Amino acid sequence: MQEMVEARELTEVKANWDYLHELLLCYLSLNPQHTHKFIIRAFADLLVSLMSSETADSHRRKPESRQRSAVSRRLL
């Protein structure tokens, strides 16, 4: 699953939820029921990983937006 997400360069859970949900359903339909708990666990891990990278990205972008705000205030 992670390789599929990386190949499509998906980084945002909300924006790509339909694809992620469809990917999960495909894995569940293609594999026997006794493996579903592992697939769901892997999917949950993938979501956590994506969401934590989203959070890290947003924290990295904050200083830039603060800097832009300061520049904008100076111009006004």
C-alpha atoms as a PDB file:
ATOM      1  CA  MET A   1       0.000   0.000   0.000  1.00  0.00           C
ATOM      2  CA  GLN A   2       2.740   2.427   0.914  1.00  0.00           C
ATOM      3  CA  GLU A   3       4.450   1.831  -2.430  1.00  0.00           C
ATOM      4  CA  MET A   4       1.201   2.666  -4.229  1.00  0.00           C
ATOM      5  CA  VAL A   5       0.846   5.891  -2.261  1.00  0.00           C
ATOM      6  CA  GLU A   6       4.476   6.835  -2.890  1.00  0.00           C
ATOM      7  CA  ALA A   7       4.173   6.071  -6.617  1.00  0.00           C
ATOM      8  CA  ARG A   8       1.246   8.485  -6.870  1.00  0.00           C
ATOM      9  CA  GLU A   9       3.047  11.011  -4.638  1.00  0.00           C
ATOM     10  CA  LEU A  10       0.079  11.311  -2.296  1.00  0.00           C
ATOM     11  CA  THR A  11       0.781  13.412   0.752  1.00  0.00           C
ATOM     12  CA  GLU A  12      -2.577  14.651   2.020  1.00  0.00           C
ATOM     13  CA  VAL A  13      -5.092  12.258   3.556  1.00  0.00           C
ATOM     14  CA  LYS A  14      -8.149  14.508   3.188  1.00  0.00           C
ATOM     15  CA  ALA A  15      -7.433  15.468  -0.406  1.00  0.00           C
ATOM     16  CA  ASN A  16      -6.814  11.845  -1.419  1.00  0.00           C
ATOM     17  CA  TRP A  17      -9.284  10.045   0.828  1.00  0.00           C
ATOM     18  CA  ASP A  18     -11.347   8.575  -2.029  1.00  0.00           C
ATOM     19  CA  TYR A  19      -8.259   6.981  -3.573  1.00  0.00           C
ATOM     20  CA  LEU A  20      -6.997   5.708  -0.216  1.00  0.00           C
ATOM     21  CA  HIS A  21     -10.381   4.217   0.630  1.00  0.00           C
ATOM     22  CA  GLU A  22     -10.598   2.537  -2.775  1.00  0.00           C
ATOM     23  CA  LEU A  23      -7.079   1.172  -2.326  1.00  0.00           C
ATOM     24  CA  LEU A  24      -8.052  -0.350   1.025  1.00  0.00           C
ATOM     25  CA  LEU A  25     -11.181  -1.925  -0.448  1.00  0.00           C
ATOM     26  CA  CYS A  26      -9.150  -3.418  -3.309  1.00  0.00           C
ATOM     27  CA  TYR A  27      -6.673  -5.010  -0.915  1.00  0.00           C
ATOM     28  CA  LEU A  28      -9.505  -6.397   1.192  1.00  0.00           C
ATOM     29  CA  SER A  29     -11.334  -7.832  -1.819  1.00  0.00           C
ATOM     30  CA  LEU A  30      -8.202  -9.427  -3.289  1.00  0.00           C
ATOM     31  CA  ASN A  31      -7.053 -11.141  -0.103  1.00  0.00           C
ATOM     32  CA  PRO A  32      -8.581 -13.818   2.115  1.00  0.00           C
ATOM     33  CA  GLN A  33     -10.557 -12.719   5.140  1.00  0.00           C
ATOM     34  CA  HIS A  34      -8.028 -14.065   7.641  1.00  0.00           C
ATOM     35  CA  THR A  35      -5.520 -11.449   6.368  1.00  0.00           C
ATOM     36  CA  HIS A  36      -7.907  -8.482   6.659  1.00  0.00           C
ATOM     37  CA  LYS A  37      -6.770  -7.545  10.162  1.00  0.00           C
ATOM     38  CA  PHE A  38      -3.208  -7.165   8.886  1.00  0.00           C
ATOM     39  CA  ILE A  39      -4.313  -5.123   5.890  1.00  0.00           C
ATOM     40  CA  ILE A  40      -6.379  -2.802   8.071  1.00  0.00           C
ATOM     41  CA  ARG A  41      -3.481  -2.435  10.500  1.00  0.00           C
ATOM     42  CA  ALA A  42      -1.123  -1.566   7.622  1.00  0.00           C
ATOM     43  CA  PHE A  43      -3.666   0.923   6.283  1.00  0.00           C
ATOM     44  CA  ALA A  44      -3.966   2.585   9.694  1.00  0.00           C
ATOM     45  CA  ASP A  45      -0.164   2.806   9.932  1.00  0.00           C
ATOM     46  CA  LEU A  46      -0.069   4.370   6.482  1.00  0.00           C
ATOM     47  CA  LEU A  47      -2.664   6.982   7.462  1.00  0.00           C
ATOM     48  CA  VAL A  48      -0.758   7.851  10.628  1.00  0.00           C
ATOM     49  CA  SER A  49       2.442   8.195   8.623  1.00  0.00           C
ATOM     50  CA  LEU A  50       0.792  10.442   6.049  1.00  0.00           C
ATOM     51  CA  MET A  51      -0.871  12.598   8.699  1.00  0.00           C
ATOM     52  CA  SER A  52       2.349  12.989  10.675  1.00  0.00           C
ATOM     53  CA  SER A  53       4.203  14.063   7.531  1.00  0.00           C
ATOM     54  CA  GLU A  54       1.385  16.562   6.811  1.00  0.00           C
ATOM     55  CA  THR A  55       1.836  17.979  10.308  1.00  0.00           C
ATOM     56  CA  ALA A  56       5.607  18.163   9.912  1.00  0.00           C
ATOM     57  CA  ASP A  57       5.202  19.925   6.562  1.00  0.00           C
ATOM     58  CA  SER A  58       2.783  22.453   8.005  1.00  0.00           C
ATOM     59  CA  HIS A  59       5.197  23.213  10.868  1.00  0.00           C
ATOM     60  CA  ARG A  60       7.998  23.736   8.365  1.00  0.00           C
ATOM     61  CA  ARG A  61       5.860  26.147   6.343  1.00  0.00           C
ATOM     62  CA  LYS A  62       4.773  28.285   9.304  1.00  0.00           C
ATOM     63  CA  PRO A  63       7.986  30.343   9.585  1.00  0.00           C
ATOM     64  CA  GLU A  64       7.701  31.270   5.901  1.00  0.00           C
ATOM     65  CA  SER A  65       4.127  32.462   6.337  1.00  0.00           C
ATOM     66  CA  ARG A  66       5.146  34.443   9.430  1.00  0.00           C
ATOM     67  CA  GLN A  67       7.986  35.994   7.475  1.00  0.00           C
ATOM     68  CA  ARG A  68       5.645  36.912   4.638  1.00  0.00           C
ATOM     69  CA  SER A  69       3.231  38.468   7.128  1.00  0.00           C
ATOM     70  CA  ALA A  70       6.019  40.570   8.588  1.00  0.00           C
ATOM     71  CA  VAL A  71       7.060  41.685   5.111  1.00  0.00           C
ATOM     72  CA  SER A  72       3.462  42.480   4.207  1.00  0.00           C
ATOM     73  CA  ARG A  73       3.054  44.586   7.352  1.00  0.00           C
ATOM     74  CA  ARG A  74       6.195  46.541   6.517  1.00  0.00           C
ATOM     75  CA  LEU A  75       4.900  47.258   3.043  1.00  0.00           C
ATOM     76  CA  LEU A  76       1.593  48.509   4.362  1.00  0.00           C
END
